[in-house]
N, C-alpha and C. Protein backbone atom coordinates (compact mmCIF):
# COMPACT_ATOMS: atom_id res chain seq x y z
N MET A 1 -16.24 13.00 -16.67
CA MET A 1 -15.33 14.00 -15.37
C MET A 1 -15.54 13.64 -14.00
N ALA A 2 -15.00 13.43 -13.55
CA ALA A 2 -14.62 13.57 -11.61
C ALA A 2 -15.30 13.81 -10.64
N GLU A 3 -16.33 13.07 -10.03
CA GLU A 3 -16.87 13.51 -8.42
C GLU A 3 -16.25 14.90 -7.51
N PRO A 4 -16.89 15.97 -7.43
CA PRO A 4 -15.64 17.12 -7.00
C PRO A 4 -15.59 16.77 -5.01
N THR A 5 -16.44 15.81 -5.01
CA THR A 5 -16.22 15.24 -3.69
C THR A 5 -15.02 14.03 -3.92
N THR A 6 -15.24 13.17 -4.62
CA THR A 6 -14.11 12.14 -5.13
C THR A 6 -12.26 12.34 -5.11
N THR A 7 -12.38 13.73 -6.13
CA THR A 7 -11.45 14.56 -6.21
C THR A 7 -10.82 15.25 -5.43
N ALA A 8 -11.47 15.65 -4.24
CA ALA A 8 -11.32 16.36 -3.35
C ALA A 8 -10.87 15.47 -2.16
N VAL A 9 -11.01 14.44 -2.32
CA VAL A 9 -11.04 13.67 -1.17
C VAL A 9 -9.19 12.93 -1.44
N ILE A 10 -9.17 12.45 -2.88
CA ILE A 10 -8.00 12.37 -3.35
C ILE A 10 -6.80 13.84 -3.28
N GLY A 11 -7.18 13.93 -3.16
CA GLY A 11 -6.56 15.60 -3.17
C GLY A 11 -6.12 15.35 -1.71
N LEU A 12 -7.05 15.42 -0.90
CA LEU A 12 -6.05 15.81 0.43
C LEU A 12 -5.79 14.80 1.03
N THR A 13 -5.94 13.19 0.97
CA THR A 13 -5.73 12.82 0.65
C THR A 13 -4.23 12.70 0.31
N ALA A 14 -3.95 12.57 -0.98
CA ALA A 14 -2.77 12.45 -0.94
C ALA A 14 -1.39 13.16 -0.90
N GLY A 15 -2.16 15.07 -0.15
CA GLY A 15 -1.48 15.30 0.11
C GLY A 15 -1.00 15.74 1.68
N SER A 16 -1.92 14.92 2.75
CA SER A 16 -1.73 14.34 3.99
C SER A 16 -0.97 13.18 3.59
N LEU A 17 -0.97 12.37 3.04
CA LEU A 17 -0.10 10.83 3.11
C LEU A 17 1.76 11.32 2.33
N ALA A 18 1.63 12.54 1.93
CA ALA A 18 2.82 13.34 1.44
C ALA A 18 3.70 13.79 2.17
N ILE A 19 2.76 14.68 3.08
CA ILE A 19 2.99 15.45 4.31
C ILE A 19 3.98 14.38 5.86
N PHE A 20 2.83 13.39 5.81
CA PHE A 20 2.84 12.10 6.76
C PHE A 20 4.55 11.66 6.41
N GLY A 21 4.85 11.31 4.89
CA GLY A 21 6.28 10.74 4.46
C GLY A 21 7.54 11.64 5.01
N LEU A 22 7.32 13.01 4.93
CA LEU A 22 8.57 13.54 5.07
C LEU A 22 7.97 13.82 6.75
N VAL A 23 7.33 14.22 7.23
CA VAL A 23 7.73 14.16 8.50
C VAL A 23 8.40 13.13 9.72
N THR A 24 7.73 11.56 8.78
CA THR A 24 8.07 10.54 9.65
C THR A 24 8.71 9.72 8.89
N GLY A 25 9.71 10.50 7.44
CA GLY A 25 11.17 9.39 6.69
C GLY A 25 10.91 8.87 6.20
N LEU A 26 9.33 8.52 5.68
CA LEU A 26 9.08 7.25 4.54
C LEU A 26 9.42 8.36 3.50
N GLN A 27 8.88 7.50 1.88
CA GLN A 27 9.61 7.93 1.01
C GLN A 27 7.66 8.17 0.40
N PRO A 28 7.42 9.66 0.26
CA PRO A 28 6.45 10.05 -0.39
C PRO A 28 6.21 9.41 -1.56
N ALA A 29 6.73 8.52 -2.63
CA ALA A 29 5.95 8.21 -4.35
C ALA A 29 6.13 6.87 -3.25
N LEU A 30 6.70 6.33 -2.87
CA LEU A 30 6.05 4.58 -1.99
C LEU A 30 4.47 4.95 -1.49
N LEU A 31 4.59 6.00 -0.25
CA LEU A 31 2.86 5.93 -0.28
C LEU A 31 1.79 6.22 -1.44
N LEU A 32 2.37 7.31 -2.56
CA LEU A 32 1.61 7.50 -3.45
C LEU A 32 1.36 6.71 -4.07
N ALA A 33 2.30 5.67 -4.36
CA ALA A 33 2.06 4.02 -5.16
C ALA A 33 1.53 3.66 -3.96
N GLY A 34 1.07 3.10 -2.72
CA GLY A 34 0.32 1.89 -2.13
C GLY A 34 -0.67 3.27 -1.99
N MET A 35 -0.99 4.20 -1.87
CA MET A 35 -2.54 4.99 -1.71
C MET A 35 -2.99 4.30 -3.28
N ALA A 36 -2.50 4.48 -4.61
CA ALA A 36 -2.52 3.83 -5.94
C ALA A 36 -3.08 3.02 -5.30
N GLY A 37 -2.44 1.73 -5.12
CA GLY A 37 -3.13 0.39 -4.84
C GLY A 37 -3.93 0.32 -4.09
N GLY A 38 -4.36 1.20 -3.29
CA GLY A 38 -5.63 0.90 -1.99
C GLY A 38 -6.49 1.48 -2.99
N TRP A 39 -6.21 2.34 -3.65
CA TRP A 39 -7.55 2.88 -4.44
C TRP A 39 -8.20 1.57 -5.21
N TRP A 40 -7.17 1.16 -5.98
CA TRP A 40 -7.72 0.27 -7.08
C TRP A 40 -7.90 -1.17 -6.08
N ALA A 41 -7.83 -1.47 -4.54
CA ALA A 41 -8.49 -2.25 -4.06
C ALA A 41 -10.04 -1.54 -3.73
N LEU A 42 -10.42 -0.64 -4.11
CA LEU A 42 -11.70 -0.22 -3.30
C LEU A 42 -12.52 0.08 -4.60
N SER A 43 -11.84 0.03 -5.78
CA SER A 43 -12.53 0.28 -7.04
C SER A 43 -13.57 -1.74 -6.90
N ILE A 44 -12.86 -2.41 -6.92
CA ILE A 44 -13.78 -3.12 -6.85
C ILE A 44 -14.27 -4.24 -6.01
N ARG A 45 -14.74 -3.35 -4.34
CA ARG A 45 -15.13 -4.25 -3.17
C ARG A 45 -16.54 -2.71 -3.75
N ASP A 46 -17.30 -3.45 -2.26
CA ASP A 46 -18.63 -2.99 -2.26
C ASP A 46 -18.15 -1.70 -2.26
N PRO A 47 -19.33 -0.01 -1.91
CA PRO A 47 -19.03 1.14 -1.37
C PRO A 47 -18.97 1.17 0.04
N LEU A 48 -17.70 2.20 0.91
CA LEU A 48 -17.65 2.03 1.87
C LEU A 48 -18.28 3.57 1.84
N PRO A 49 -18.41 3.42 3.35
CA PRO A 49 -18.61 5.28 3.93
C PRO A 49 -17.21 5.99 3.74
N LEU A 50 -17.36 7.23 3.36
CA LEU A 50 -16.45 8.11 2.94
C LEU A 50 -14.66 7.98 4.23
N PRO A 51 -15.27 7.94 5.47
CA PRO A 51 -14.51 7.56 7.00
C PRO A 51 -13.79 6.53 6.79
N ARG A 52 -13.68 6.14 6.31
CA ARG A 52 -13.55 3.64 6.03
C ARG A 52 -12.91 4.20 4.74
N ARG A 53 -13.38 4.80 3.11
CA ARG A 53 -12.18 5.01 2.73
C ARG A 53 -11.38 5.64 2.67
N ILE A 54 -10.90 6.47 3.81
CA ILE A 54 -9.60 7.12 3.53
C ILE A 54 -9.25 6.35 4.56
N THR A 55 -9.47 5.62 5.62
CA THR A 55 -8.80 5.16 6.48
C THR A 55 -8.39 3.73 5.60
N SER A 56 -8.61 3.39 4.99
CA SER A 56 -8.37 1.99 3.81
C SER A 56 -7.46 2.90 3.42
N ILE A 57 -7.36 3.45 2.46
CA ILE A 57 -6.03 4.00 1.35
C ILE A 57 -4.81 4.16 1.95
N ALA A 58 -5.14 5.26 3.65
CA ALA A 58 -4.37 5.35 3.95
C ALA A 58 -3.60 4.44 4.79
N ILE A 59 -4.15 3.42 5.20
CA ILE A 59 -3.83 2.44 5.71
C ILE A 59 -2.80 1.54 4.95
N ALA A 60 -3.27 1.25 3.84
CA ALA A 60 -2.18 0.34 2.87
C ALA A 60 -1.43 1.35 2.12
N ALA A 61 -1.78 2.55 2.20
CA ALA A 61 -0.23 3.53 1.74
C ALA A 61 0.74 3.42 2.71
N ILE A 62 0.65 3.47 4.08
CA ILE A 62 1.39 3.01 4.78
C ILE A 62 2.50 1.74 5.40
N PHE A 63 1.12 0.47 5.26
CA PHE A 63 1.64 -0.53 4.64
C PHE A 63 2.97 -0.96 3.47
N ALA A 64 2.56 -0.14 2.06
CA ALA A 64 3.63 0.32 1.25
C ALA A 64 4.33 0.40 1.14
N ALA A 65 4.74 1.98 2.09
CA ALA A 65 6.19 2.53 1.84
C ALA A 65 6.53 1.74 2.84
N TRP A 66 6.32 1.17 4.22
CA TRP A 66 7.13 0.19 4.76
C TRP A 66 7.29 -0.79 4.42
N GLY A 67 6.71 -1.98 3.75
CA GLY A 67 6.96 -2.93 3.30
C GLY A 67 7.81 -3.04 2.16
N ALA A 68 7.44 -2.18 1.29
CA ALA A 68 8.06 -1.85 -0.54
C ALA A 68 9.81 -2.07 -0.24
N PRO A 69 10.74 -1.15 0.58
CA PRO A 69 11.99 -1.82 0.57
C PRO A 69 11.92 -3.33 0.71
N VAL A 70 11.26 -3.24 1.41
CA VAL A 70 12.11 -5.06 2.49
C VAL A 70 11.42 -5.51 1.32
N ALA A 71 10.29 -5.65 0.48
CA ALA A 71 10.15 -6.45 -0.13
C ALA A 71 11.49 -6.80 -1.38
N ALA A 72 11.58 -5.47 -2.06
CA ALA A 72 11.78 -5.48 -3.32
C ALA A 72 13.33 -5.74 -2.58
N SER A 73 14.25 -5.46 -1.77
CA SER A 73 15.30 -6.25 -1.47
C SER A 73 15.36 -7.60 -1.46
N LEU A 74 14.33 -8.20 -0.90
CA LEU A 74 13.92 -9.84 -0.88
C LEU A 74 13.64 -10.02 -2.49
N ILE A 75 13.10 -9.15 -2.66
CA ILE A 75 13.24 -10.37 -5.00
C ILE A 75 14.43 -9.92 -5.45
N GLY A 76 15.52 -8.81 -4.78
CA GLY A 76 16.64 -8.20 -5.66
C GLY A 76 17.42 -9.60 -5.23
N SER A 77 17.58 -10.08 -3.73
CA SER A 77 18.32 -10.35 -3.99
C SER A 77 18.31 -12.53 -4.38
N LEU A 78 16.97 -12.71 -5.24
CA LEU A 78 16.92 -13.74 -5.77
C LEU A 78 17.76 -14.20 -7.09
N SER A 79 18.26 -15.24 -6.92
CA SER A 79 19.37 -16.05 -7.16
C SER A 79 18.98 -15.33 -9.73
N TRP A 80 17.71 -15.71 -9.14
CA TRP A 80 17.39 -15.43 -10.85
C TRP A 80 16.85 -13.82 -11.74
N TRP A 81 16.95 -12.68 -10.35
CA TRP A 81 16.81 -11.26 -11.02
C TRP A 81 17.74 -10.88 -11.56
N PRO A 82 17.76 -9.77 -12.57
CA PRO A 82 18.89 -9.78 -12.98
C PRO A 82 19.58 -8.33 -12.95
N GLY A 83 20.19 -8.47 -11.36
CA GLY A 83 20.64 -7.73 -10.33
C GLY A 83 21.44 -6.40 -11.48
N LYS A 84 21.94 -6.11 -11.93
CA LYS A 84 22.60 -4.55 -12.74
C LYS A 84 21.69 -4.19 -13.88
N SER A 85 21.06 -4.65 -14.34
CA SER A 85 19.82 -3.93 -15.89
C SER A 85 18.89 -3.86 -14.66
N VAL A 86 18.35 -4.11 -14.14
CA VAL A 86 16.91 -3.60 -12.92
C VAL A 86 17.17 -2.86 -11.31
N ALA A 87 17.64 -1.86 -11.23
CA ALA A 87 17.64 -0.99 -10.00
C ALA A 87 16.25 -1.71 -9.45
N ILE A 88 16.57 -1.72 -7.42
CA ILE A 88 15.67 -2.49 -6.66
C ILE A 88 14.43 -1.55 -6.83
N GLU A 89 15.55 0.43 -6.29
CA GLU A 89 15.24 1.32 -6.72
C GLU A 89 13.73 1.40 -7.35
N ALA A 90 14.07 0.64 -8.38
CA ALA A 90 12.80 1.33 -9.58
C ALA A 90 11.61 0.07 -9.15
N LEU A 91 12.46 -1.24 -8.77
CA LEU A 91 10.92 -2.21 -8.72
C LEU A 91 10.08 -1.75 -7.11
N GLN A 92 11.12 -0.91 -6.48
CA GLN A 92 9.93 -0.49 -5.11
C GLN A 92 8.51 0.13 -5.68
N LEU A 93 8.19 0.98 -6.45
CA LEU A 93 7.23 1.96 -6.89
C LEU A 93 5.95 0.21 -7.06
N LEU A 94 6.28 -0.30 -8.19
CA LEU A 94 5.29 -1.48 -8.38
C LEU A 94 5.45 -2.56 -7.06
N VAL A 95 6.02 -2.63 -5.81
CA VAL A 95 6.23 -3.66 -5.42
C VAL A 95 5.30 -2.78 -4.04
N ALA A 96 5.27 -1.32 -4.29
CA ALA A 96 4.06 -0.64 -2.92
C ALA A 96 3.12 -0.92 -4.02
N LEU A 97 3.11 -0.53 -5.18
CA LEU A 97 1.83 -0.87 -5.79
C LEU A 97 0.91 -2.53 -5.41
N VAL A 98 1.61 -2.79 -5.30
CA VAL A 98 0.46 -3.82 -5.11
C VAL A 98 1.20 -4.37 -3.63
N LEU A 99 1.03 -4.10 -3.04
CA LEU A 99 1.28 -3.90 -1.75
C LEU A 99 0.03 -3.33 -1.29
N GLY A 100 -0.43 -2.05 -1.45
CA GLY A 100 -1.29 -0.90 -1.14
C GLY A 100 -2.53 -1.81 -1.62
N ARG A 101 -2.49 -2.66 -2.99
CA ARG A 101 -3.60 -3.47 -3.60
C ARG A 101 -3.97 -4.26 -2.88
N LEU A 102 -3.05 -5.40 -1.71
CA LEU A 102 -3.55 -6.45 -1.26
C LEU A 102 -3.46 -6.64 -0.20
N ALA A 103 -3.38 -5.11 0.26
CA ALA A 103 -2.91 -5.09 2.15
C ALA A 103 -3.85 -5.80 2.80
N HIS A 104 -5.49 -4.77 2.38
CA HIS A 104 -7.02 -5.13 3.44
C HIS A 104 -7.18 -6.59 2.92
N THR A 105 -7.44 -6.91 1.63
CA THR A 105 -8.35 -7.91 0.73
C THR A 105 -7.75 -9.44 1.10
N VAL A 106 -6.06 -9.85 1.10
CA VAL A 106 -5.64 -10.65 0.86
C VAL A 106 -4.35 -10.98 2.02
N LEU A 107 -3.80 -9.74 2.29
CA LEU A 107 -2.36 -9.57 3.36
C LEU A 107 -2.99 -9.58 4.72
N GLY A 108 -4.28 -8.34 4.80
CA GLY A 108 -5.06 -8.80 5.98
C GLY A 108 -5.90 -9.71 6.79
N SER A 109 -6.55 -10.45 5.89
CA SER A 109 -7.25 -11.00 6.20
C SER A 109 -6.68 -12.49 6.07
N SER A 110 -4.91 -13.33 5.96
CA SER A 110 -4.29 -14.27 5.73
C SER A 110 -3.82 -13.82 7.35
N LEU A 111 -3.49 -12.93 7.57
CA LEU A 111 -2.90 -12.13 8.96
C LEU A 111 -3.87 -13.10 10.28
N ASP A 112 -4.64 -12.29 9.70
CA ASP A 112 -6.18 -12.51 10.93
C ASP A 112 -6.42 -14.09 11.20
N LYS A 113 -6.60 -14.65 9.98
CA LYS A 113 -6.77 -16.09 10.25
C LYS A 113 -5.43 -16.90 10.81
N LEU A 114 -4.28 -16.64 10.51
CA LEU A 114 -3.06 -16.74 10.91
C LEU A 114 -3.24 -16.72 12.40
N ALA A 115 -4.08 -15.42 12.59
CA ALA A 115 -3.68 -15.14 14.63
C ALA A 115 -4.40 -15.78 15.38
N LYS A 116 -5.37 -15.94 14.78
CA LYS A 116 -7.33 -16.94 15.31
C LYS A 116 -6.27 -18.68 15.47
N ARG A 117 -5.74 -18.99 14.61
CA ARG A 117 -5.13 -19.78 14.32
C ARG A 117 -4.53 -19.99 15.30
N LYS A 118 -3.34 -19.02 15.51
CA LYS A 118 -2.39 -19.00 16.51
C LYS A 118 -3.03 -19.35 17.82
N MET A 119 -4.11 -18.65 18.59
CA MET A 119 -5.02 -17.99 19.56
C MET A 119 -5.93 -19.38 19.68
N GLU A 120 -6.45 -20.17 18.98
CA GLU A 120 -6.64 -21.07 19.30
C GLU A 120 -6.09 -22.48 19.93
N GLY A 121 -4.55 -22.33 19.75
CA GLY A 121 -3.51 -22.81 20.44
C GLY A 121 -2.60 -23.22 21.15
N VAL A 122 -3.47 -21.78 21.94
CA VAL A 122 -3.14 -21.25 23.06
C VAL A 122 -3.74 -22.08 24.25
């Protein structure tokens, strides 16, 4: 059985993200898929304090909801993509999950390294 604190945090975060999505126009399904990816990323990291866990999951969810439509459209425009048999909308959930998973561990650290290199060159 899950710990009550973990269940409450997941419920609070998911509900808050769904409301945030409705207010901002982001798709709640993409926010929840990004949240699942962020939660997946946290499962393989060292434990973090509760506020950092919540913040990390929320940032991953927002990043995924913003990036998934763009990334799915780019993938759908590739010549090898089976255009009519697989809809771009169906691909967006999977892309949101992956972006949420990679938001902090890969994409965030890569952006940090790129920014440091650019700043050293200035």
